Amino acid sequence: MMKPFSVHHDEGVTYGTLVQLAAEYQDSAKWDEKEWNEVISFYKSVGLPISLDDLGIKNISDEIIMKIAEATCKVNMNAYNMPFELNHKVILNALLSVNRLFG
């Protein structure tokens, strides 16, 4: 059984912004390396989380990443305000991209 975890709202929003950026890059099929590096540099300079590990989520498994993707896409979540079609697979792929870079 998976142990529950909690994240402070501001940390979740911060990390969610990275996931959103990765999802937007995937939607446009163009990864903007310059923009990405600027965001990551800023996050690091002020101590913002850039990984699930930074959020205190240890021993990251596919199960955990899938649960995060599914929870992000629940009805009435802000994720549906994106300018592209959103579903748990889009979020899953974005989470996996960010996790590959920093996980």
PDB file of N, CA and C in Angstrom:
ATOM      1  N   MET A   1       0.838  -1.173   0.000  1.00  0.00           N
ATOM      2  CA  MET A   1       0.000   0.000   0.000  1.00  0.00           C
ATOM      3  C   MET A   1       0.889   1.244   0.000  1.00  0.00           C
ATOM      4  N   MET A   2       0.495   2.237  -0.801  1.00  0.00           N
ATOM      5  CA  MET A   2       1.281   3.449  -0.923  1.00  0.00           C
ATOM      6  C   MET A   2       1.045   4.362   0.283  1.00  0.00           C
ATOM      7  N   LYS A   3       2.129   4.858   0.857  1.00  0.00           N
ATOM      8  CA  LYS A   3       2.037   5.783   1.981  1.00  0.00           C
ATOM      9  C   LYS A   3       1.596   7.152   1.453  1.00  0.00           C
ATOM     10  N   PRO A   4       0.589   7.784   2.093  1.00  0.00           N
ATOM     11  CA  PRO A   4       0.147   9.107   1.630  1.00  0.00           C
ATOM     12  C   PRO A   4       1.233  10.161   1.857  1.00  0.00           C
ATOM     13  N   PHE A   5       1.225  11.179   1.035  1.00  0.00           N
ATOM     14  CA  PHE A   5       2.160  12.271   1.205  1.00  0.00           C
ATOM     15  C   PHE A   5       1.409  13.579   1.036  1.00  0.00           C
ATOM     16  N   SER A   6       1.988  14.634   1.563  1.00  0.00           N
ATOM     17  CA  SER A   6       1.366  15.944   1.380  1.00  0.00           C
ATOM     18  C   SER A   6       2.444  16.942   0.987  1.00  0.00           C
ATOM     19  N   VAL A   7       2.025  17.930   0.235  1.00  0.00           N
ATOM     20  CA  VAL A   7       2.925  18.949  -0.272  1.00  0.00           C
ATOM     21  C   VAL A   7       2.293  20.291   0.047  1.00  0.00           C
ATOM     22  N   HIS A   8       3.096  21.248   0.479  1.00  0.00           N
ATOM     23  CA  HIS A   8       2.576  22.599   0.688  1.00  0.00           C
ATOM     24  C   HIS A   8       2.056  23.148  -0.632  1.00  0.00           C
ATOM     25  N   HIS A   9       0.982  23.915  -0.566  1.00  0.00           N
ATOM     26  CA  HIS A   9       0.336  24.441  -1.767  1.00  0.00           C
ATOM     27  C   HIS A   9       1.328  25.164  -2.683  1.00  0.00           C
ATOM     28  N   ASP A  10       2.134  26.054  -2.123  1.00  0.00           N
ATOM     29  CA  ASP A  10       3.052  26.833  -2.954  1.00  0.00           C
ATOM     30  C   ASP A  10       4.090  25.949  -3.639  1.00  0.00           C
ATOM     31  N   GLU A  11       4.536  24.910  -2.964  1.00  0.00           N
ATOM     32  CA  GLU A  11       5.495  23.988  -3.576  1.00  0.00           C
ATOM     33  C   GLU A  11       4.839  23.191  -4.705  1.00  0.00           C
ATOM     34  N   GLY A  12       3.592  22.783  -4.489  1.00  0.00           N
ATOM     35  CA  GLY A  12       2.867  22.055  -5.528  1.00  0.00           C
ATOM     36  C   GLY A  12       2.642  22.909  -6.768  1.00  0.00           C
ATOM     37  N   VAL A  13       2.306  24.173  -6.553  1.00  0.00           N
ATOM     38  CA  VAL A  13       2.102  25.098  -7.675  1.00  0.00           C
ATOM     39  C   VAL A  13       3.416  25.299  -8.420  1.00  0.00           C
ATOM     40  N   THR A  14       4.489  25.460  -7.672  1.00  0.00           N
ATOM     41  CA  THR A  14       5.812  25.655  -8.275  1.00  0.00           C
ATOM     42  C   THR A  14       6.186  24.465  -9.151  1.00  0.00           C
ATOM     43  N   TYR A  15       6.076  23.266  -8.593  1.00  0.00           N
ATOM     44  CA  TYR A  15       6.409  22.069  -9.363  1.00  0.00           C
ATOM     45  C   TYR A  15       5.422  21.882 -10.513  1.00  0.00           C
ATOM     46  N   GLY A  16       4.154  22.171 -10.264  1.00  0.00           N
ATOM     47  CA  GLY A  16       3.139  22.055 -11.307  1.00  0.00           C
ATOM     48  C   GLY A  16       3.423  22.953 -12.494  1.00  0.00           C
ATOM     49  N   THR A  17       4.039  24.090 -12.242  1.00  0.00           N
ATOM     50  CA  THR A  17       4.405  24.995 -13.330  1.00  0.00           C
ATOM     51  C   THR A  17       5.441  24.338 -14.240  1.00  0.00           C
ATOM     52  N   LEU A  18       6.383  23.609 -13.664  1.00  0.00           N
ATOM     53  CA  LEU A  18       7.357  22.873 -14.487  1.00  0.00           C
ATOM     54  C   LEU A  18       6.663  21.805 -15.324  1.00  0.00           C
ATOM     55  N   VAL A  19       5.725  21.105 -14.702  1.00  0.00           N
ATOM     56  CA  VAL A  19       4.993  20.051 -15.414  1.00  0.00           C
ATOM     57  C   VAL A  19       4.158  20.677 -16.537  1.00  0.00           C
ATOM     58  N   GLN A  20       3.530  21.816 -16.256  1.00  0.00           N
ATOM     59  CA  GLN A  20       2.751  22.509 -17.282  1.00  0.00           C
ATOM     60  C   GLN A  20       3.644  22.920 -18.446  1.00  0.00           C
ATOM     61  N   LEU A  21       4.802  23.466 -18.151  1.00  0.00           N
ATOM     62  CA  LEU A  21       5.723  23.881 -19.193  1.00  0.00           C
ATOM     63  C   LEU A  21       6.140  22.689 -20.049  1.00  0.00           C
ATOM     64  N   ALA A  22       6.445  21.561 -19.410  1.00  0.00           N
ATOM     65  CA  ALA A  22       6.808  20.348 -20.145  1.00  0.00           C
ATOM     66  C   ALA A  22       5.632  19.878 -21.010  1.00  0.00           C
ATOM     67  N   ALA A  23       4.406  19.955 -20.490  1.00  0.00           N
ATOM     68  CA  ALA A  23       3.218  19.551 -21.265  1.00  0.00           C
ATOM     69  C   ALA A  23       3.023  20.473 -22.463  1.00  0.00           C
ATOM     70  N   GLU A  24       3.244  21.763 -22.270  1.00  0.00           N
ATOM     71  CA  GLU A  24       3.115  22.706 -23.385  1.00  0.00           C
ATOM     72  C   GLU A  24       4.158  22.419 -24.462  1.00  0.00           C
ATOM     73  N   TYR A  25       5.376  22.125 -24.055  1.00  0.00           N
ATOM     74  CA  TYR A  25       6.420  21.782 -25.023  1.00  0.00           C
ATOM     75  C   TYR A  25       6.040  20.519 -25.803  1.00  0.00           C
ATOM     76  N   GLN A  26       5.500  19.547 -25.090  1.00  0.00           N
ATOM     77  CA  GLN A  26       5.099  18.314 -25.766  1.00  0.00           C
ATOM     78  C   GLN A  26       3.943  18.565 -26.723  1.00  0.00           C
ATOM     79  N   ASP A  27       3.000  19.420 -26.322  1.00  0.00           N
ATOM     80  CA  ASP A  27       1.866  19.731 -27.184  1.00  0.00           C
ATOM     81  C   ASP A  27       2.322  20.420 -28.462  1.00  0.00           C
ATOM     82  N   SER A  28       3.276  21.320 -28.356  1.00  0.00           N
ATOM     83  CA  SER A  28       3.752  22.053 -29.534  1.00  0.00           C
ATOM     84  C   SER A  28       4.834  21.290 -30.290  1.00  0.00           C
ATOM     85  N   ALA A  29       5.292  20.182 -29.710  1.00  0.00           N
ATOM     86  CA  ALA A  29       6.369  19.367 -30.284  1.00  0.00           C
ATOM     87  C   ALA A  29       7.658  20.172 -30.423  1.00  0.00           C
ATOM     88  N   LYS A  30       7.840  21.166 -29.554  1.00  0.00           N
ATOM     89  CA  LYS A  30       9.059  21.969 -29.580  1.00  0.00           C
ATOM     90  C   LYS A  30       9.485  22.280 -28.149  1.00  0.00           C
ATOM     91  N   TRP A  31      10.611  21.726 -27.745  1.00  0.00           N
ATOM     92  CA  TRP A  31      11.155  21.980 -26.420  1.00  0.00           C
ATOM     93  C   TRP A  31      11.986  23.256 -26.505  1.00  0.00           C
ATOM     94  N   ASP A  32      11.613  24.253 -25.720  1.00  0.00           N
ATOM     95  CA  ASP A  32      12.327  25.534 -25.717  1.00  0.00           C
ATOM     96  C   ASP A  32      13.410  25.490 -24.646  1.00  0.00           C
ATOM     97  N   GLU A  33      14.583  25.075 -25.051  1.00  0.00           N
ATOM     98  CA  GLU A  33      15.699  24.876 -24.111  1.00  0.00           C
ATOM     99  C   GLU A  33      16.072  26.165 -23.385  1.00  0.00           C
ATOM    100  N   LYS A  34      16.066  27.283 -24.097  1.00  0.00           N
ATOM    101  CA  LYS A  34      16.429  28.567 -23.484  1.00  0.00           C
ATOM    102  C   LYS A  34      15.436  28.935 -22.374  1.00  0.00           C
ATOM    103  N   GLU A  35      14.146  28.856 -22.688  1.00  0.00           N
ATOM    104  CA  GLU A  35      13.132  29.178 -21.689  1.00  0.00           C
ATOM    105  C   GLU A  35      13.222  28.223 -20.502  1.00  0.00           C
ATOM    106  N   TRP A  36      13.344  26.925 -20.793  1.00  0.00           N
ATOM    107  CA  TRP A  36      13.433  25.915 -19.747  1.00  0.00           C
ATOM    108  C   TRP A  36      14.607  26.212 -18.809  1.00  0.00           C
ATOM    109  N   ASN A  37      15.771  26.486 -19.376  1.00  0.00           N
ATOM    110  CA  ASN A  37      16.950  26.759 -18.561  1.00  0.00           C
ATOM    111  C   ASN A  37      16.790  28.023 -17.724  1.00  0.00           C
ATOM    112  N   GLU A  38      16.116  29.038 -18.262  1.00  0.00           N
ATOM    113  CA  GLU A  38      15.858  30.259 -17.497  1.00  0.00           C
ATOM    114  C   GLU A  38      14.981  29.953 -16.287  1.00  0.00           C
ATOM    115  N   VAL A  39      13.937  29.164 -16.499  1.00  0.00           N
ATOM    116  CA  VAL A  39      13.036  28.813 -15.402  1.00  0.00           C
ATOM    117  C   VAL A  39      13.780  27.998 -14.346  1.00  0.00           C
ATOM    118  N   ILE A  40      14.513  26.987 -14.777  1.00  0.00           N
ATOM    119  CA  ILE A  40      15.248  26.131 -13.839  1.00  0.00           C
ATOM    120  C   ILE A  40      16.301  26.944 -13.078  1.00  0.00           C
ATOM    121  N   SER A  41      16.997  27.817 -13.769  1.00  0.00           N
ATOM    122  CA  SER A  41      18.004  28.662 -13.102  1.00  0.00           C
ATOM    123  C   SER A  41      17.360  29.529 -12.040  1.00  0.00           C
ATOM    124  N   PHE A  42      16.206  30.116 -12.360  1.00  0.00           N
ATOM    125  CA  PHE A  42      15.504  30.940 -11.377  1.00  0.00           C
ATOM    126  C   PHE A  42      15.074  30.093 -10.189  1.00  0.00           C
ATOM    127  N   TYR A  43      14.438  28.951 -10.465  1.00  0.00           N
ATOM    128  CA  TYR A  43      13.991  28.073  -9.378  1.00  0.00           C
ATOM    129  C   TYR A  43      15.152  27.738  -8.447  1.00  0.00           C
ATOM    130  N   LYS A  44      16.285  27.360  -9.031  1.00  0.00           N
ATOM    131  CA  LYS A  44      17.447  26.993  -8.215  1.00  0.00           C
ATOM    132  C   LYS A  44      17.968  28.187  -7.425  1.00  0.00           C
ATOM    133  N   SER A  45      17.952  29.366  -8.038  1.00  0.00           N
ATOM    134  CA  SER A  45      18.517  30.546  -7.370  1.00  0.00           C
ATOM    135  C   SER A  45      17.722  30.957  -6.133  1.00  0.00           C
ATOM    136  N   VAL A  46      16.429  30.628  -6.104  1.00  0.00           N
ATOM    137  CA  VAL A  46      15.608  30.997  -4.944  1.00  0.00           C
ATOM    138  C   VAL A  46      15.165  29.787  -4.124  1.00  0.00           C
ATOM    139  N   GLY A  47      15.681  28.621  -4.470  1.00  0.00           N
ATOM    140  CA  GLY A  47      15.423  27.427  -3.676  1.00  0.00           C
ATOM    141  C   GLY A  47      14.059  26.790  -3.879  1.00  0.00           C
ATOM    142  N   LEU A  48      13.483  26.929  -5.067  1.00  0.00           N
ATOM    143  CA  LEU A  48      12.187  26.306  -5.349  1.00  0.00           C
ATOM    144  C   LEU A  48      12.382  24.853  -5.770  1.00  0.00           C
ATOM    145  N   PRO A  49      11.392  24.007  -5.536  1.00  0.00           N
ATOM    146  CA  PRO A  49      11.523  22.582  -5.878  1.00  0.00           C
ATOM    147  C   PRO A  49      11.510  22.353  -7.390  1.00  0.00           C
ATOM    148  N   ILE A  50      12.420  21.491  -7.846  1.00  0.00           N
ATOM    149  CA  ILE A  50      12.451  21.134  -9.266  1.00  0.00           C
ATOM    150  C   ILE A  50      12.264  19.634  -9.482  1.00  0.00           C
ATOM    151  N   SER A  51      12.056  18.906  -8.397  1.00  0.00           N
ATOM    152  CA  SER A  51      11.871  17.460  -8.525  1.00  0.00           C
ATOM    153  C   SER A  51      10.865  16.971  -7.488  1.00  0.00           C
ATOM    154  N   LEU A  52      10.349  15.784  -7.717  1.00  0.00           N
ATOM    155  CA  LEU A  52       9.458  15.182  -6.733  1.00  0.00           C
ATOM    156  C   LEU A  52      10.217  14.930  -5.434  1.00  0.00           C
ATOM    157  N   ASP A  53      11.478  14.603  -5.550  1.00  0.00           N
ATOM    158  CA  ASP A  53      12.308  14.404  -4.365  1.00  0.00           C
ATOM    159  C   ASP A  53      12.385  15.696  -3.547  1.00  0.00           C
ATOM    160  N   ASP A  54      12.497  16.842  -4.220  1.00  0.00           N
ATOM    161  CA  ASP A  54      12.513  18.134  -3.522  1.00  0.00           C
ATOM    162  C   ASP A  54      11.210  18.372  -2.760  1.00  0.00           C
ATOM    163  N   LEU A  55      10.139  17.745  -3.222  1.00  0.00           N
ATOM    164  CA  LEU A  55       8.840  17.869  -2.557  1.00  0.00           C
ATOM    165  C   LEU A  55       8.687  16.873  -1.413  1.00  0.00           C
ATOM    166  N   GLY A  56       9.706  16.059  -1.208  1.00  0.00           N
ATOM    167  CA  GLY A  56       9.656  15.069  -0.134  1.00  0.00           C
ATOM    168  C   GLY A  56       9.047  13.754  -0.563  1.00  0.00           C
ATOM    169  N   ILE A  57       8.844  13.587  -1.862  1.00  0.00           N
ATOM    170  CA  ILE A  57       8.273  12.335  -2.376  1.00  0.00           C
ATOM    171  C   ILE A  57       9.449  11.437  -2.748  1.00  0.00           C
ATOM    172  N   LYS A  58       9.717  10.480  -1.887  1.00  0.00           N
ATOM    173  CA  LYS A  58      10.872   9.593  -2.038  1.00  0.00           C
ATOM    174  C   LYS A  58      10.445   8.288  -2.697  1.00  0.00           C
ATOM    175  N   ASN A  59      11.412   7.539  -3.169  1.00  0.00           N
ATOM    176  CA  ASN A  59      11.150   6.235  -3.791  1.00  0.00           C
ATOM    177  C   ASN A  59      10.056   6.342  -4.844  1.00  0.00           C
ATOM    178  N   ILE A  60      10.269   7.226  -5.784  1.00  0.00           N
ATOM    179  CA  ILE A  60       9.273   7.517  -6.810  1.00  0.00           C
ATOM    180  C   ILE A  60       9.114   6.312  -7.724  1.00  0.00           C
ATOM    181  N   SER A  61       7.867   5.890  -7.849  1.00  0.00           N
ATOM    182  CA  SER A  61       7.557   4.742  -8.690  1.00  0.00           C
ATOM    183  C   SER A  61       6.580   5.159  -9.780  1.00  0.00           C
ATOM    184  N   ASP A  62       6.413   4.294 -10.746  1.00  0.00           N
ATOM    185  CA  ASP A  62       5.418   4.549 -11.794  1.00  0.00           C
ATOM    186  C   ASP A  62       4.026   4.706 -11.181  1.00  0.00           C
ATOM    187  N   GLU A  63       3.757   3.943 -10.127  1.00  0.00           N
ATOM    188  CA  GLU A  63       2.460   4.013  -9.448  1.00  0.00           C
ATOM    189  C   GLU A  63       2.222   5.408  -8.864  1.00  0.00           C
ATOM    190  N   ILE A  64       3.241   5.963  -8.233  1.00  0.00           N
ATOM    191  CA  ILE A  64       3.107   7.299  -7.646  1.00  0.00           C
ATOM    192  C   ILE A  64       2.892   8.339  -8.744  1.00  0.00           C
ATOM    193  N   ILE A  65       3.693   8.252  -9.795  1.00  0.00           N
ATOM    194  CA  ILE A  65       3.562   9.225 -10.887  1.00  0.00           C
ATOM    195  C   ILE A  65       2.182   9.112 -11.529  1.00  0.00           C
ATOM    196  N   MET A  66       1.665   7.909 -11.707  1.00  0.00           N
ATOM    197  CA  MET A  66       0.335   7.730 -12.284  1.00  0.00           C
ATOM    198  C   MET A  66      -0.735   8.320 -11.363  1.00  0.00           C
ATOM    199  N   LYS A  67      -0.604   8.109 -10.063  1.00  0.00           N
ATOM    200  CA  LYS A  67      -1.584   8.676  -9.122  1.00  0.00           C
ATOM    201  C   LYS A  67      -1.579  10.201  -9.156  1.00  0.00           C
ATOM    202  N   ILE A  68      -0.404  10.800  -9.286  1.00  0.00           N
ATOM    203  CA  ILE A  68      -0.312  12.254  -9.394  1.00  0.00           C
ATOM    204  C   ILE A  68      -0.984  12.723 -10.681  1.00  0.00           C
ATOM    205  N   ALA A  69      -0.724  12.040 -11.782  1.00  0.00           N
ATOM    206  CA  ALA A  69      -1.327  12.413 -13.068  1.00  0.00           C
ATOM    207  C   ALA A  69      -2.849  12.303 -13.009  1.00  0.00           C
ATOM    208  N   GLU A  70      -3.346  11.233 -12.426  1.00  0.00           N
ATOM    209  CA  GLU A  70      -4.796  11.049 -12.325  1.00  0.00           C
ATOM    210  C   GLU A  70      -5.428  12.099 -11.414  1.00  0.00           C
ATOM    211  N   ALA A  71      -4.787  12.394 -10.295  1.00  0.00           N
ATOM    212  CA  ALA A  71      -5.329  13.392  -9.364  1.00  0.00           C
ATOM    213  C   ALA A  71      -5.349  14.776 -10.005  1.00  0.00           C
ATOM    214  N   THR A  72      -4.361  15.059 -10.821  1.00  0.00           N
ATOM    215  CA  THR A  72      -4.290  16.357 -11.500  1.00  0.00           C
ATOM    216  C   THR A  72      -5.462  16.538 -12.450  1.00  0.00           C
ATOM    217  N   CYS A  73      -5.970  15.451 -12.981  1.00  0.00           N
ATOM    218  CA  CYS A  73      -7.017  15.527 -14.000  1.00  0.00           C
ATOM    219  C   CYS A  73      -8.424  15.265 -13.462  1.00  0.00           C
ATOM    220  N   LYS A  74      -8.600  15.286 -12.169  1.00  0.00           N
ATOM    221  CA  LYS A  74      -9.945  15.114 -11.626  1.00  0.00           C
ATOM    222  C   LYS A  74     -10.833  16.267 -12.067  1.00  0.00           C
ATOM    223  N   VAL A  75     -12.119  16.025 -12.127  1.00  0.00           N
ATOM    224  CA  VAL A  75     -13.091  17.033 -12.534  1.00  0.00           C
ATOM    225  C   VAL A  75     -12.924  18.288 -11.673  1.00  0.00           C
ATOM    226  N   ASN A  76     -13.088  19.432 -12.291  1.00  0.00           N
ATOM    227  CA  ASN A  76     -13.013  20.748 -11.644  1.00  0.00           C
ATOM    228  C   ASN A  76     -11.606  21.150 -11.215  1.00  0.00           C
ATOM    229  N   MET A  77     -10.589  20.507 -11.713  1.00  0.00           N
ATOM    230  CA  MET A  77      -9.224  20.905 -11.380  1.00  0.00           C
ATOM    231  C   MET A  77      -8.796  22.013 -12.348  1.00  0.00           C
ATOM    232  N   ASN A  78      -7.927  22.890 -11.905  1.00  0.00           N
ATOM    233  CA  ASN A  78      -7.445  24.001 -12.720  1.00  0.00           C
ATOM    234  C   ASN A  78      -6.684  23.547 -13.953  1.00  0.00           C
ATOM    235  N   ALA A  79      -6.234  22.324 -13.964  1.00  0.00           N
ATOM    236  CA  ALA A  79      -5.466  21.820 -15.098  1.00  0.00           C
ATOM    237  C   ALA A  79      -6.242  21.936 -16.401  1.00  0.00           C
ATOM    238  N   TYR A  80      -7.559  21.928 -16.331  1.00  0.00           N
ATOM    239  CA  TYR A  80      -8.359  21.995 -17.550  1.00  0.00           C
ATOM    240  C   TYR A  80      -8.413  23.397 -18.149  1.00  0.00           C
ATOM    241  N   ASN A  81      -7.757  24.354 -17.546  1.00  0.00           N
ATOM    242  CA  ASN A  81      -7.700  25.702 -18.096  1.00  0.00           C
ATOM    243  C   ASN A  81      -6.553  25.875 -19.084  1.00  0.00           C
ATOM    244  N   MET A  82      -5.874  24.808 -19.416  1.00  0.00           N
ATOM    245  CA  MET A  82      -4.746  24.875 -20.342  1.00  0.00           C
ATOM    246  C   MET A  82      -5.251  25.109 -21.768  1.00  0.00           C
ATOM    247  N   PRO A  83      -4.431  25.723 -22.602  1.00  0.00           N
ATOM    248  CA  PRO A  83      -4.841  26.010 -23.981  1.00  0.00           C
ATOM    249  C   PRO A  83      -4.681  24.813 -24.935  1.00  0.00           C
ATOM    250  N   PHE A  84      -4.658  23.618 -24.391  1.00  0.00           N
ATOM    251  CA  PHE A  84      -4.556  22.408 -25.195  1.00  0.00           C
ATOM    252  C   PHE A  84      -5.329  21.304 -24.505  1.00  0.00           C
ATOM    253  N   GLU A  85      -5.620  20.229 -25.254  1.00  0.00           N
ATOM    254  CA  GLU A  85      -6.378  19.122 -24.674  1.00  0.00           C
ATOM    255  C   GLU A  85      -5.556  18.470 -23.563  1.00  0.00           C
ATOM    256  N   LEU A  86      -6.224  18.222 -22.467  1.00  0.00           N
ATOM    257  CA  LEU A  86      -5.533  17.686 -21.305  1.00  0.00           C
ATOM    258  C   LEU A  86      -6.198  16.411 -20.834  1.00  0.00           C
ATOM    259  N   ASN A  87      -5.380  15.431 -20.506  1.00  0.00           N
ATOM    260  CA  ASN A  87      -5.860  14.203 -19.879  1.00  0.00           C
ATOM    261  C   ASN A  87      -4.697  13.632 -19.061  1.00  0.00           C
ATOM    262  N   HIS A  88      -4.974  12.546 -18.351  1.00  0.00           N
ATOM    263  CA  HIS A  88      -3.934  12.017 -17.463  1.00  0.00           C
ATOM    264  C   HIS A  88      -2.694  11.555 -18.223  1.00  0.00           C
ATOM    265  N   LYS A  89      -2.849  11.155 -19.494  1.00  0.00           N
ATOM    266  CA  LYS A  89      -1.688  10.723 -20.277  1.00  0.00           C
ATOM    267  C   LYS A  89      -0.759  11.894 -20.590  1.00  0.00           C
ATOM    268  N   VAL A  90      -1.346  13.056 -20.887  1.00  0.00           N
ATOM    269  CA  VAL A  90      -0.538  14.260 -21.139  1.00  0.00           C
ATOM    270  C   VAL A  90       0.240  14.619 -19.884  1.00  0.00           C
ATOM    271  N   ILE A  91      -0.452  14.635 -18.744  1.00  0.00           N
ATOM    272  CA  ILE A  91       0.196  14.956 -17.474  1.00  0.00           C
ATOM    273  C   ILE A  91       1.237  13.898 -17.124  1.00  0.00           C
ATOM    274  N   LEU A  92       0.906  12.641 -17.343  1.00  0.00           N
ATOM    275  CA  LEU A  92       1.850  11.558 -17.065  1.00  0.00           C
ATOM    276  C   LEU A  92       3.138  11.754 -17.861  1.00  0.00           C
ATOM    277  N   ASN A  93       3.019  12.016 -19.153  1.00  0.00           N
ATOM    278  CA  ASN A  93       4.205  12.214 -19.986  1.00  0.00           C
ATOM    279  C   ASN A  93       5.020  13.420 -19.532  1.00  0.00           C
ATOM    280  N   ALA A  94       4.347  14.496 -19.135  1.00  0.00           N
ATOM    281  CA  ALA A  94       5.050  15.686 -18.650  1.00  0.00           C
ATOM    282  C   ALA A  94       5.759  15.380 -17.327  1.00  0.00           C
ATOM    283  N   LEU A  95       5.074  14.692 -16.421  1.00  0.00           N
ATOM    284  CA  LEU A  95       5.695  14.300 -15.147  1.00  0.00           C
ATOM    285  C   LEU A  95       6.922  13.423 -15.388  1.00  0.00           C
ATOM    286  N   LEU A  96       6.792  12.479 -16.302  1.00  0.00           N
ATOM    287  CA  LEU A  96       7.916  11.591 -16.605  1.00  0.00           C
ATOM    288  C   LEU A  96       9.088  12.375 -17.189  1.00  0.00           C
ATOM    289  N   SER A  97       8.784  13.365 -18.038  1.00  0.00           N
ATOM    290  CA  SER A  97       9.851  14.193 -18.615  1.00  0.00           C
ATOM    291  C   SER A  97      10.602  14.950 -17.537  1.00  0.00           C
ATOM    292  N   VAL A  98       9.878  15.598 -16.648  1.00  0.00           N
ATOM    293  CA  VAL A  98      10.513  16.368 -15.572  1.00  0.00           C
ATOM    294  C   VAL A  98      11.270  15.414 -14.649  1.00  0.00           C
ATOM    295  N   ASN A  99      10.673  14.275 -14.337  1.00  0.00           N
ATOM    296  CA  ASN A  99      11.317  13.311 -13.447  1.00  0.00           C
ATOM    297  C   ASN A  99      12.598  12.740 -14.074  1.00  0.00           C
ATOM    298  N   ARG A 100      12.588  12.529 -15.382  1.00  0.00           N
ATOM    299  CA  ARG A 100      13.808  12.038 -16.047  1.00  0.00           C
ATOM    300  C   ARG A 100      14.937  13.062 -15.921  1.00  0.00           C
ATOM    301  N   LEU A 101      14.577  14.340 -15.994  1.00  0.00           N
ATOM    302  CA  LEU A 101      15.598  15.384 -15.913  1.00  0.00           C
ATOM    303  C   LEU A 101      16.147  15.570 -14.506  1.00  0.00           C
ATOM    304  N   PHE A 102      15.279  15.420 -13.498  1.00  0.00           N
ATOM    305  CA  PHE A 102      15.678  15.750 -12.135  1.00  0.00           C
ATOM    306  C   PHE A 102      15.460  14.632 -11.122  1.00  0.00           C
ATOM    307  N   GLY A 103      14.869  13.532 -11.542  1.00  0.00           N
ATOM    308  CA  GLY A 103      14.512  12.476 -10.604  1.00  0.00           C
ATOM    309  C   GLY A 103      15.610  11.632 -10.189  1.00  0.00           C
TER     310      GLY A 103
END
